Amino acid sequence: MKTDTIAAVATAMSDSGIGIIRVSGEEAVKIVSKIYENVNHENTLDQYDSHTIHYGFIVDEDGTFLDEVMVSVMKSPRSYTTEDTVEINCHGGIFMMKKILMAVVKAGARIAEPGEFTKRAFLNGRIDLSRAEAVMDIIHAKNEFALQSSVNQLKGSVSDKIKKLREEILYEIAFIESALDDPEHISLEHYHERLSDKSDHIIIELDKLLESADDGRMLKEGINTVILGKPNAGKSSLLNLLAGKERAIVTDVAGTTRDTLEETITLGDISLNVIDTAGIRNTEDVVEKIGVEKARKIAEQSDLILYVIDSSVPLDESDKDIVRMIKEKNAVILLNKSDLEEVVSEQSVSNIIEEVMGRDIKIVSDISVCQKSESDVPCIYMIKTSTKREDGIEVLTSLIRDMFFHGQISYNDEVYITNIRHKEAVYDARKSMDEVRKSLEMDMPEDFYSIDLMNAYSSLGMIIGEEIGDDLINEIFSKFCMGK
């Protein structure tokens, strides 16, 4: 591990009221002392107590005044990196921050690599890898739920859960190994039943984490939402309404949207990555045909489809085509233009869906109605909207939340897996525990259990960084922003 002293601008490189240059390492205090003077023009930084802040000036190696500053001193081990750390709070501005950073480098520091401060915090044992990754998730959080989930991970929600599971697995490994080494004093009689119960418990806990992964991804990245419909159904108007601005061109001419338009939208406390698509219809227009085909492909990869129907225009074969596209997807049908004379009713939409899907369906606008139903008939969610009058948007927001987060998202301590790397590690651990269960069913020798238990233990260790190579560590921290 590198132990030299590093420095970087820790705030955004833009004009601002304040800029911070962070310096960390064994020589941090000594290096900054070379360019810092207090009001009496004394270089006394090394004499100050830890966790104190001091007024003074930054001068370059020639003694030229650079800026009036406040300097924070945090001595090892009580700092972000556990090393001596000094933060220079200067006036904001790209040129000024770069000047002071270069003065620090000339005094003996080197420019930090992306994420190197947090990497040192991990390597020095202050935080585990899952908590280190949560730092970047906090910075990139798109909504309140994503932020709260990342904060919980930084506090240890994921690592605490993983460590507890690893402790349970390790206990069983140690018991088996001890019994095999000392069978006279440690008996494996009836151990088969005990390990079977313990394996079932661990598998249930791993399944809960895996089930949280899709919700966790959407918490972190937003719900990938595609707007489908025939030309002039009101798709672009819906995008504009959700975005709160004129994002898409809206005209009375059918087929105005030829390509996809993308916008990240926050509705209350959830985020939608919304894609407006070309109207679905049979067309001889080459450009429009390409747009329709692109819409089909994007719809296949979506988390949610918003199917917009112009309720003032009769349904036709194009609507049947769209129903086929939403058949296996999470979808909400928006019966739009409810301010005009209604030609399409909920029943007519139900009829065409049942015809295409070949089964009965139930039209609802409230997910609780479907949840309370004891019938096996699937639900299709439908809301009457008017993008012109802005009707139905609040109902849509509530329905989306209920659909994806089961109506139970709150600011609590529930553990969400939001990182694909974590999900893969949990999945690998789950497969290893399946092997343990198979060995138990086949009444295999105890050392078979031990091998698969150790594999599960190692897979979970990947999440918190206890079973991970230098290359992966470097890759993870290379994605961090400079100065963090």
Protein backbone atom coordinates (compact mmCIF):
# COMPACT_ATOMS: atom_id res chain seq x y z
CA MET A 1 0.00 0.00 0.00
CA LYS A 2 1.25 3.48 -0.86
CA THR A 3 1.95 5.62 2.21
CA ASP A 4 3.14 8.80 0.54
CA THR A 5 1.22 12.03 0.98
CA ILE A 6 -1.53 12.77 -1.56
CA ALA A 7 -3.49 15.90 -2.40
CA ALA A 8 -6.50 16.82 -4.53
CA VAL A 9 -9.25 19.38 -4.90
CA ALA A 10 -12.14 17.88 -2.88
CA THR A 11 -14.84 20.26 -4.11
CA ALA A 12 -16.24 20.70 -7.62
CA MET A 13 -13.91 22.32 -10.12
CA SER A 14 -16.09 25.36 -10.76
CA ASP A 15 -16.53 28.93 -9.63
CA SER A 16 -17.86 28.78 -6.08
CA GLY A 17 -17.77 30.51 -2.71
CA ILE A 18 -15.37 28.02 -1.15
CA GLY A 19 -12.93 25.44 -2.48
CA ILE A 20 -11.24 22.70 -0.45
CA ILE A 21 -7.86 21.12 -1.10
CA ARG A 22 -7.49 17.86 0.84
CA VAL A 23 -4.05 16.56 1.84
CA SER A 24 -3.52 13.15 3.48
CA GLY A 25 -0.50 11.09 4.51
CA GLU A 26 2.33 10.87 7.01
CA GLU A 27 3.79 14.20 5.85
CA ALA A 28 0.49 16.08 5.40
CA VAL A 29 0.97 18.51 8.29
CA LYS A 30 4.66 19.06 7.50
CA ILE A 31 3.98 19.70 3.81
CA VAL A 32 1.15 22.19 4.34
CA SER A 33 3.22 23.94 7.05
CA LYS A 34 5.71 24.89 4.31
CA ILE A 35 3.12 27.05 2.55
CA TYR A 36 0.94 28.15 5.49
CA GLU A 37 1.42 31.22 7.66
CA ASN A 38 -0.74 32.42 10.55
CA VAL A 39 -1.53 36.11 11.09
CA ASN A 40 1.89 36.57 12.69
CA HIS A 41 3.56 35.04 9.61
CA GLU A 42 4.57 31.94 11.60
CA ASN A 43 4.63 28.35 10.27
CA THR A 44 3.05 26.75 13.33
CA LEU A 45 0.66 24.17 11.82
CA ASP A 46 2.48 21.22 13.38
CA GLN A 47 1.90 22.69 16.85
CA TYR A 48 -1.88 22.69 16.60
CA ASP A 49 -4.11 20.06 18.19
CA SER A 50 -6.10 17.58 16.11
CA HIS A 51 -9.53 18.59 14.90
CA THR A 52 -8.90 22.32 15.06
CA ILE A 53 -9.29 24.96 12.37
CA HIS A 54 -7.03 27.98 11.91
CA TYR A 55 -7.07 31.26 10.05
CA GLY A 56 -4.07 32.24 7.97
CA PHE A 57 -2.56 32.57 4.51
CA ILE A 58 -1.18 30.31 1.77
CA VAL A 59 2.08 31.45 0.19
CA ASP A 60 4.06 29.74 -2.57
CA GLU A 61 7.69 28.63 -2.32
CA ASP A 62 8.84 32.17 -3.19
CA GLY A 63 6.79 33.66 -0.36
CA THR A 64 4.19 35.12 -2.74
CA PHE A 65 0.76 35.52 -1.14
CA LEU A 66 -1.82 33.23 -2.79
CA ASP A 67 -4.96 33.35 -0.67
CA GLU A 68 -6.55 33.97 2.70
CA VAL A 69 -7.64 30.58 4.08
CA MET A 70 -8.97 28.48 6.94
CA VAL A 71 -6.94 25.31 7.52
CA SER A 72 -8.34 22.22 9.27
CA VAL A 73 -5.96 19.79 11.00
CA MET A 74 -7.04 16.16 11.66
CA LYS A 75 -4.35 13.89 13.04
CA SER A 76 -4.12 10.11 12.74
CA PRO A 77 -6.07 7.96 13.40
CA ARG A 78 -9.11 10.28 13.75
CA SER A 79 -9.55 11.22 10.10
CA TYR A 80 -11.33 10.01 6.99
CA THR A 81 -8.29 8.05 5.82
CA THR A 82 -6.96 7.35 9.39
CA GLU A 83 -3.83 9.26 8.29
CA ASP A 84 -2.83 12.82 9.16
CA THR A 85 -5.13 14.99 7.07
CA VAL A 86 -5.15 18.71 6.37
CA GLU A 87 -7.89 20.52 4.47
CA ILE A 88 -7.25 23.99 3.07
CA ASN A 89 -10.48 26.00 2.77
CA CYS A 90 -9.76 28.70 0.21
CA HIS A 91 -11.82 30.99 -1.97
CA GLY A 92 -13.57 29.11 -4.75
CA GLY A 93 -12.61 29.34 -8.37
CA ILE A 94 -10.86 26.89 -10.68
CA PHE A 95 -7.69 28.95 -11.11
CA MET A 96 -7.26 29.62 -7.38
CA MET A 97 -7.79 25.99 -6.37
CA LYS A 98 -5.31 24.80 -8.98
CA LYS A 99 -2.71 27.36 -7.80
CA ILE A 100 -2.94 26.18 -4.20
CA LEU A 101 -2.95 22.51 -5.21
CA MET A 102 0.24 23.05 -7.23
CA ALA A 103 1.81 24.78 -4.24
CA VAL A 104 1.01 21.72 -2.11
CA VAL A 105 2.53 19.42 -4.75
CA LYS A 106 5.70 21.51 -4.96
CA ALA A 107 5.96 21.27 -1.17
CA GLY A 108 6.14 17.47 -1.39
CA ALA A 109 2.73 15.88 -2.01
CA ARG A 110 1.57 14.13 -5.15
CA ILE A 111 -1.76 14.36 -6.97
CA ALA A 112 -4.21 11.75 -5.64
CA GLU A 113 -5.70 9.17 -7.95
CA PRO A 114 -9.52 9.03 -8.33
CA GLY A 115 -11.03 7.61 -5.14
CA GLU A 116 -7.65 7.30 -3.42
CA PHE A 117 -8.73 8.95 -0.16
CA THR A 118 -11.62 6.48 0.24
CA LYS A 119 -9.36 3.65 -0.93
CA ARG A 120 -6.96 4.47 1.90
CA ALA A 121 -9.85 4.52 4.35
CA PHE A 122 -10.68 0.98 3.18
CA LEU A 123 -7.10 -0.32 3.15
CA ASN A 124 -6.47 1.20 6.57
CA GLY A 125 -9.49 -0.66 7.96
CA ARG A 126 -11.74 2.28 8.80
CA ILE A 127 -14.52 1.13 6.47
CA ASP A 128 -15.19 -2.08 4.57
CA LEU A 129 -15.64 -2.22 0.81
CA SER A 130 -19.44 -2.08 0.79
CA ARG A 131 -19.37 1.08 2.89
CA ALA A 132 -16.69 2.58 0.64
CA GLU A 133 -18.88 1.97 -2.41
CA ALA A 134 -21.80 3.59 -0.59
CA VAL A 135 -19.80 6.84 -0.52
CA MET A 136 -20.00 7.09 -4.31
CA ASP A 137 -23.65 6.01 -4.30
CA ILE A 138 -24.44 8.94 -1.99
CA ILE A 139 -22.76 11.35 -4.39
CA HIS A 140 -24.75 9.99 -7.37
CA ALA A 141 -28.11 9.52 -5.58
CA LYS A 142 -30.99 10.62 -7.81
CA ASN A 143 -33.82 10.66 -5.28
CA GLU A 144 -34.62 10.56 -1.57
CA PHE A 145 -34.96 6.78 -1.40
CA ALA A 146 -31.65 6.21 -3.19
CA LEU A 147 -29.95 8.67 -0.86
CA GLN A 148 -31.41 7.09 2.27
CA SER A 149 -30.48 3.59 1.10
CA SER A 150 -26.91 4.69 0.39
CA VAL A 151 -26.66 6.42 3.77
CA ASN A 152 -27.87 3.22 5.46
CA GLN A 153 -25.19 1.27 3.59
CA LEU A 154 -22.56 3.77 4.68
CA LYS A 155 -23.74 3.23 8.26
CA GLY A 156 -23.24 -0.50 7.73
CA SER A 157 -26.66 -1.95 6.86
CA VAL A 158 -25.27 -4.25 4.15
CA SER A 159 -21.93 -5.03 5.79
CA ASP A 160 -23.58 -5.84 9.14
CA LYS A 161 -25.96 -8.25 7.43
CA ILE A 162 -23.16 -9.90 5.45
CA LYS A 163 -20.89 -10.17 8.48
CA LYS A 164 -23.65 -11.84 10.48
CA LEU A 165 -24.25 -14.43 7.76
CA ARG A 166 -20.52 -15.08 7.45
CA GLU A 167 -20.25 -15.59 11.20
CA GLU A 168 -23.02 -18.19 11.09
CA ILE A 169 -21.36 -19.99 8.17
CA LEU A 170 -17.91 -19.83 9.76
CA TYR A 171 -19.22 -21.36 12.98
CA GLU A 172 -20.46 -24.40 11.05
CA ILE A 173 -17.15 -24.72 9.17
CA ALA A 174 -15.19 -24.55 12.41
CA PHE A 175 -17.49 -27.09 14.07
CA ILE A 176 -17.09 -29.58 11.21
CA GLU A 177 -13.30 -29.18 11.06
CA SER A 178 -12.99 -29.51 14.84
CA ALA A 179 -15.16 -32.63 14.89
CA LEU A 180 -13.16 -34.25 12.10
CA ASP A 181 -9.88 -33.44 13.88
CA ASP A 182 -11.08 -34.52 17.33
CA PRO A 183 -13.94 -37.04 16.95
CA GLU A 184 -13.44 -38.35 20.50
CA HIS A 185 -14.50 -35.08 22.09
CA ILE A 186 -16.72 -33.48 19.44
CA SER A 187 -19.57 -35.58 18.09
CA LEU A 188 -21.26 -35.15 14.73
CA GLU A 189 -24.25 -37.19 15.83
CA HIS A 190 -27.52 -35.50 14.76
CA TYR A 191 -25.40 -32.73 13.18
CA HIS A 192 -27.03 -33.48 9.82
CA GLU A 193 -30.39 -32.18 11.10
CA ARG A 194 -28.86 -29.11 12.72
CA LEU A 195 -26.92 -28.10 9.61
CA SER A 196 -30.01 -28.68 7.49
CA ASP A 197 -31.99 -26.18 9.59
CA LYS A 198 -29.12 -23.70 9.56
CA SER A 199 -28.71 -24.00 5.77
CA ASP A 200 -32.41 -23.37 5.23
CA HIS A 201 -32.18 -20.26 7.40
CA ILE A 202 -29.14 -18.90 5.53
CA ILE A 203 -30.75 -19.60 2.15
CA ILE A 204 -33.89 -17.71 3.21
CA GLU A 205 -31.75 -14.71 4.22
CA LEU A 206 -29.80 -14.82 0.95
CA ASP A 207 -33.05 -15.01 -1.03
CA LYS A 208 -34.31 -11.90 0.76
CA LEU A 209 -31.19 -10.04 -0.31
CA LEU A 210 -31.56 -11.24 -3.91
CA GLU A 211 -35.24 -10.26 -3.95
CA SER A 212 -34.24 -6.77 -2.79
CA ALA A 213 -31.74 -6.39 -5.64
CA ASP A 214 -34.22 -5.34 -8.35
CA ASP A 215 -35.91 -2.85 -6.04
CA GLY A 216 -32.46 -1.73 -4.95
CA ARG A 217 -31.30 -1.15 -8.51
CA MET A 218 -34.37 0.95 -9.23
CA LEU A 219 -33.85 2.85 -5.98
CA LYS A 220 -30.35 3.68 -7.09
CA GLU A 221 -30.67 4.12 -10.85
CA GLY A 222 -34.35 4.88 -11.42
CA ILE A 223 -37.13 2.86 -13.09
CA ASN A 224 -36.50 2.37 -16.81
CA THR A 225 -39.83 3.54 -18.23
CA VAL A 226 -40.91 3.42 -21.87
CA ILE A 227 -43.89 5.34 -23.25
CA LEU A 228 -45.69 3.43 -26.00
CA GLY A 229 -48.77 4.22 -28.04
CA LYS A 230 -50.05 4.99 -31.50
CA PRO A 231 -49.10 8.25 -33.19
CA ASN A 232 -50.75 11.35 -31.70
CA ALA A 233 -51.97 9.49 -28.59
CA GLY A 234 -50.33 12.03 -26.29
CA LYS A 235 -47.00 10.30 -25.55
CA SER A 236 -44.84 13.38 -26.03
CA SER A 237 -47.32 15.51 -24.08
CA LEU A 238 -47.03 13.02 -21.22
CA LEU A 239 -43.23 13.24 -21.31
CA ASN A 240 -43.38 17.02 -21.22
CA LEU A 241 -45.85 16.95 -18.34
CA LEU A 242 -43.74 14.52 -16.32
CA ALA A 243 -40.55 16.46 -17.07
CA GLY A 244 -42.13 19.81 -16.26
CA LYS A 245 -40.75 21.34 -19.45
CA GLU A 246 -41.13 21.23 -23.24
CA ARG A 247 -38.80 18.27 -23.77
CA ALA A 248 -40.56 16.86 -26.87
CA ILE A 249 -42.13 18.56 -29.88
CA VAL A 250 -45.92 18.30 -29.75
CA THR A 251 -48.08 18.82 -32.86
CA ASP A 252 -51.37 17.56 -34.23
CA VAL A 253 -49.42 15.81 -36.98
CA ALA A 254 -49.22 12.06 -36.37
CA GLY A 255 -45.69 10.62 -36.44
CA THR A 256 -43.89 13.76 -35.24
CA THR A 257 -41.65 11.70 -32.93
CA ARG A 258 -39.35 9.62 -35.15
CA ASP A 259 -36.60 8.74 -32.67
CA THR A 260 -36.45 8.16 -28.92
CA LEU A 261 -36.26 10.99 -26.40
CA GLU A 262 -34.87 10.31 -22.92
CA GLU A 263 -35.36 12.22 -19.70
CA THR A 264 -34.68 11.41 -16.03
CA ILE A 265 -37.67 12.54 -14.01
CA THR A 266 -38.22 12.66 -10.26
CA LEU A 267 -41.82 12.15 -9.22
CA GLY A 268 -42.07 12.78 -5.52
CA ASP A 269 -39.59 10.33 -4.06
CA ILE A 270 -39.06 8.01 -7.04
CA SER A 271 -37.04 8.45 -10.23
CA LEU A 272 -38.08 7.41 -13.73
CA ASN A 273 -35.68 7.11 -16.65
CA VAL A 274 -38.38 7.91 -19.20
CA ILE A 275 -38.04 7.17 -22.93
CA ASP A 276 -40.58 8.59 -25.37
CA THR A 277 -40.82 6.50 -28.54
CA ALA A 278 -42.14 6.74 -32.07
CA GLY A 279 -45.83 5.96 -32.49
CA ILE A 280 -46.54 2.27 -33.15
CA ARG A 281 -48.25 1.76 -36.51
CA ASN A 282 -47.69 0.17 -39.89
CA THR A 283 -45.94 2.72 -42.08
CA GLU A 284 -44.07 2.90 -45.38
CA ASP A 285 -41.99 5.85 -44.19
CA VAL A 286 -38.42 4.48 -43.88
CA VAL A 287 -37.36 6.79 -41.03
CA GLU A 288 -40.58 6.27 -39.08
CA LYS A 289 -40.30 2.49 -39.58
CA ILE A 290 -36.81 2.54 -38.02
CA GLY A 291 -38.22 4.51 -35.07
CA VAL A 292 -41.01 1.97 -34.54
CA GLU A 293 -38.56 -0.94 -34.58
CA LYS A 294 -36.33 0.87 -32.10
CA ALA A 295 -39.33 1.40 -29.81
CA ARG A 296 -40.01 -2.35 -29.83
CA LYS A 297 -36.44 -3.19 -28.81
CA ILE A 298 -36.36 -0.60 -26.02
CA ALA A 299 -39.70 -1.83 -24.68
CA GLU A 300 -38.24 -5.34 -24.30
CA GLN A 301 -35.57 -3.98 -21.91
CA SER A 302 -37.86 -1.77 -19.83
CA ASP A 303 -38.91 -2.08 -16.18
CA LEU A 304 -42.22 -0.35 -16.89
CA ILE A 305 -44.30 0.48 -19.95
CA LEU A 306 -46.76 3.36 -20.01
CA TYR A 307 -49.21 2.51 -22.81
CA VAL A 308 -50.97 5.72 -23.86
CA ILE A 309 -54.33 5.32 -25.62
CA ASP A 310 -56.18 8.18 -27.28
CA SER A 311 -59.67 7.55 -25.87
CA SER A 312 -61.21 9.73 -28.59
CA VAL A 313 -60.04 7.41 -31.40
CA PRO A 314 -61.23 3.80 -31.92
CA LEU A 315 -58.90 0.91 -31.18
CA ASP A 316 -57.37 -0.93 -34.15
CA GLU A 317 -54.74 -3.53 -35.10
CA SER A 318 -51.91 -1.29 -33.91
CA ASP A 319 -53.36 -1.45 -30.39
CA LYS A 320 -53.35 -5.25 -30.58
CA ASP A 321 -49.71 -5.07 -31.59
CA ILE A 322 -48.88 -2.91 -28.55
CA VAL A 323 -50.80 -5.24 -26.21
CA ARG A 324 -48.58 -8.08 -27.44
CA MET A 325 -45.55 -5.96 -26.51
CA ILE A 326 -46.76 -5.37 -22.94
CA LYS A 327 -48.00 -8.94 -22.42
CA GLU A 328 -45.13 -10.03 -20.16
CA LYS A 329 -44.17 -6.59 -18.80
CA ASN A 330 -45.10 -4.34 -15.90
CA ALA A 331 -47.47 -1.92 -17.59
CA VAL A 332 -49.91 0.88 -16.88
CA ILE A 333 -52.50 1.82 -19.50
CA LEU A 334 -53.27 5.51 -19.66
CA LEU A 335 -56.68 6.20 -21.19
CA ASN A 336 -55.70 9.67 -22.34
CA LYS A 337 -57.64 12.69 -23.63
CA SER A 338 -60.42 12.13 -21.11
CA ASP A 339 -61.33 15.80 -21.71
CA LEU A 340 -62.64 14.83 -25.16
CA GLU A 341 -65.67 12.74 -26.15
CA GLU A 342 -64.94 9.16 -25.16
CA VAL A 343 -64.88 6.57 -27.95
CA VAL A 344 -62.74 3.99 -26.13
CA SER A 345 -64.06 2.67 -22.81
CA GLU A 346 -62.34 0.57 -20.15
CA GLN A 347 -64.44 -2.37 -21.31
CA SER A 348 -63.32 -2.06 -24.93
CA VAL A 349 -59.68 -1.99 -23.78
CA SER A 350 -60.37 -5.03 -21.60
CA ASN A 351 -61.90 -6.86 -24.56
CA ILE A 352 -58.92 -6.30 -26.83
CA ILE A 353 -56.46 -7.33 -24.10
CA GLU A 354 -58.41 -10.52 -23.40
CA GLU A 355 -58.53 -11.27 -27.12
CA VAL A 356 -54.75 -10.89 -27.53
CA MET A 357 -53.76 -12.56 -24.26
CA GLY A 358 -56.35 -15.32 -24.53
CA ARG A 359 -57.52 -15.06 -20.92
CA ASP A 360 -59.71 -13.02 -18.62
CA ILE A 361 -58.20 -9.91 -17.05
CA LYS A 362 -59.31 -7.43 -14.40
CA ILE A 363 -58.98 -3.68 -15.00
CA VAL A 364 -57.97 -1.79 -11.81
CA SER A 365 -56.44 1.56 -10.94
CA ASP A 366 -55.50 0.67 -7.35
CA ILE A 367 -52.99 -2.09 -6.63
CA SER A 368 -54.65 -2.90 -3.30
CA VAL A 369 -57.78 -4.04 -5.18
CA CYS A 370 -55.69 -6.61 -7.00
CA GLN A 371 -53.81 -7.68 -3.87
CA LYS A 372 -57.02 -8.29 -1.94
CA SER A 373 -58.58 -10.31 -4.75
CA GLU A 374 -58.69 -14.06 -4.19
CA SER A 375 -59.17 -14.67 -7.90
CA ASP A 376 -56.44 -16.01 -10.19
CA VAL A 377 -57.45 -13.49 -12.85
CA PRO A 378 -54.46 -11.17 -13.55
CA CYS A 379 -54.81 -7.42 -13.11
CA ILE A 380 -54.17 -4.76 -15.73
CA TYR A 381 -53.65 -1.26 -14.34
CA MET A 382 -55.50 1.52 -16.11
CA ILE A 383 -55.84 5.22 -15.30
CA LYS A 384 -57.91 7.89 -17.04
CA THR A 385 -55.71 10.87 -17.84
CA SER A 386 -55.75 14.17 -19.64
CA THR A 387 -52.33 15.60 -20.37
CA LYS A 388 -54.06 18.79 -21.45
CA ARG A 389 -55.71 19.24 -18.02
CA GLU A 390 -52.87 17.42 -16.18
CA ASP A 391 -55.33 14.92 -14.72
CA GLY A 392 -54.27 11.54 -13.32
CA ILE A 393 -50.53 12.16 -12.77
CA GLU A 394 -50.68 11.90 -8.97
CA VAL A 395 -52.58 8.62 -9.26
CA LEU A 396 -49.96 7.36 -11.74
CA THR A 397 -47.09 8.24 -9.37
CA SER A 398 -48.74 6.44 -6.47
CA LEU A 399 -49.47 3.37 -8.60
CA ILE A 400 -45.87 3.11 -9.87
CA ARG A 401 -44.55 3.26 -6.32
CA ASP A 402 -46.95 0.53 -5.21
CA MET A 403 -46.17 -1.66 -8.23
CA PHE A 404 -42.43 -1.68 -7.78
CA PHE A 405 -41.93 -1.23 -4.09
CA HIS A 406 -44.95 -3.15 -2.83
CA GLY A 407 -46.28 -0.02 -1.15
CA GLN A 408 -43.84 -0.46 1.72
CA ILE A 409 -40.92 1.83 0.93
CA SER A 410 -40.17 4.03 3.90
CA TYR A 411 -37.16 5.55 5.60
CA ASN A 412 -36.39 2.44 7.62
CA ASP A 413 -33.46 0.09 8.13
CA GLU A 414 -34.48 -2.45 5.49
CA VAL A 415 -31.41 -3.78 3.69
CA TYR A 416 -31.36 -3.25 -0.07
CA ILE A 417 -28.75 -4.64 -2.44
CA THR A 418 -28.13 -1.81 -4.91
CA ASN A 419 -24.80 -2.89 -6.37
CA ILE A 420 -24.59 -5.46 -9.19
CA ARG A 421 -21.28 -6.74 -7.79
CA HIS A 422 -22.94 -7.41 -4.45
CA LYS A 423 -25.85 -9.17 -6.15
CA GLU A 424 -23.50 -11.48 -8.04
CA ALA A 425 -21.64 -12.34 -4.83
CA VAL A 426 -24.88 -13.13 -2.98
CA TYR A 427 -26.01 -15.24 -5.94
CA ASP A 428 -22.75 -17.22 -5.85
CA ALA A 429 -23.16 -17.76 -2.10
CA ARG A 430 -26.72 -18.94 -2.71
CA LYS A 431 -25.50 -21.52 -5.24
CA SER A 432 -22.91 -22.80 -2.76
CA MET A 433 -25.58 -23.18 -0.09
CA ASP A 434 -27.68 -25.14 -2.60
CA GLU A 435 -24.73 -27.51 -2.91
CA VAL A 436 -24.65 -27.89 0.86
CA ARG A 437 -28.33 -28.79 0.83
CA LYS A 438 -27.78 -31.32 -1.98
CA SER A 439 -24.92 -32.94 -0.02
CA LEU A 440 -27.18 -33.18 3.02
CA GLU A 441 -29.93 -34.83 0.98
CA MET A 442 -27.41 -37.33 -0.41
CA ASP A 443 -25.97 -37.94 3.10
CA MET A 444 -22.46 -37.11 1.88
CA PRO A 445 -19.43 -37.02 4.25
CA GLU A 446 -19.10 -33.89 6.40
CA ASP A 447 -16.02 -32.58 4.56
CA PHE A 448 -18.23 -32.03 1.49
CA TYR A 449 -20.36 -29.63 3.54
CA SER A 450 -17.26 -27.80 4.67
CA ILE A 451 -16.04 -27.14 1.11
CA ASP A 452 -19.31 -25.58 -0.06
CA LEU A 453 -19.77 -23.65 3.18
CA MET A 454 -16.30 -22.17 2.67
CA ASN A 455 -17.22 -21.19 -0.91
CA ALA A 456 -20.33 -19.39 0.38
CA TYR A 457 -18.24 -17.70 3.08
CA SER A 458 -15.71 -16.51 0.48
CA SER A 459 -18.40 -15.24 -1.91
CA LEU A 460 -19.95 -13.07 0.79
CA GLY A 461 -16.48 -11.86 1.73
CA MET A 462 -16.23 -10.31 -1.75
CA ILE A 463 -18.92 -7.80 -0.75
CA ILE A 464 -17.06 -6.38 2.24
CA GLY A 465 -13.59 -6.73 0.70
CA GLU A 466 -12.19 -9.60 2.75
CA GLU A 467 -11.94 -11.93 -0.26
CA ILE A 468 -10.92 -9.65 -3.08
CA GLY A 469 -7.86 -9.07 -5.26
CA ASP A 470 -5.90 -5.87 -5.83
CA ASP A 471 -7.03 -5.61 -9.46
CA LEU A 472 -10.71 -5.48 -8.51
CA ILE A 473 -10.01 -3.01 -5.70
CA ASN A 474 -8.22 -0.73 -8.14
CA GLU A 475 -11.06 -1.03 -10.66
CA ILE A 476 -13.70 -0.16 -8.06
CA PHE A 477 -11.93 2.95 -6.79
CA SER A 478 -10.96 4.13 -10.27
CA LYS A 479 -14.67 4.89 -10.82
CA PHE A 480 -14.71 7.38 -7.92
CA CYS A 481 -14.50 11.10 -8.51
CA MET A 482 -11.23 12.96 -7.99
CA GLY A 483 -10.72 14.19 -4.44
CA LYS A 484 -12.88 11.48 -2.86
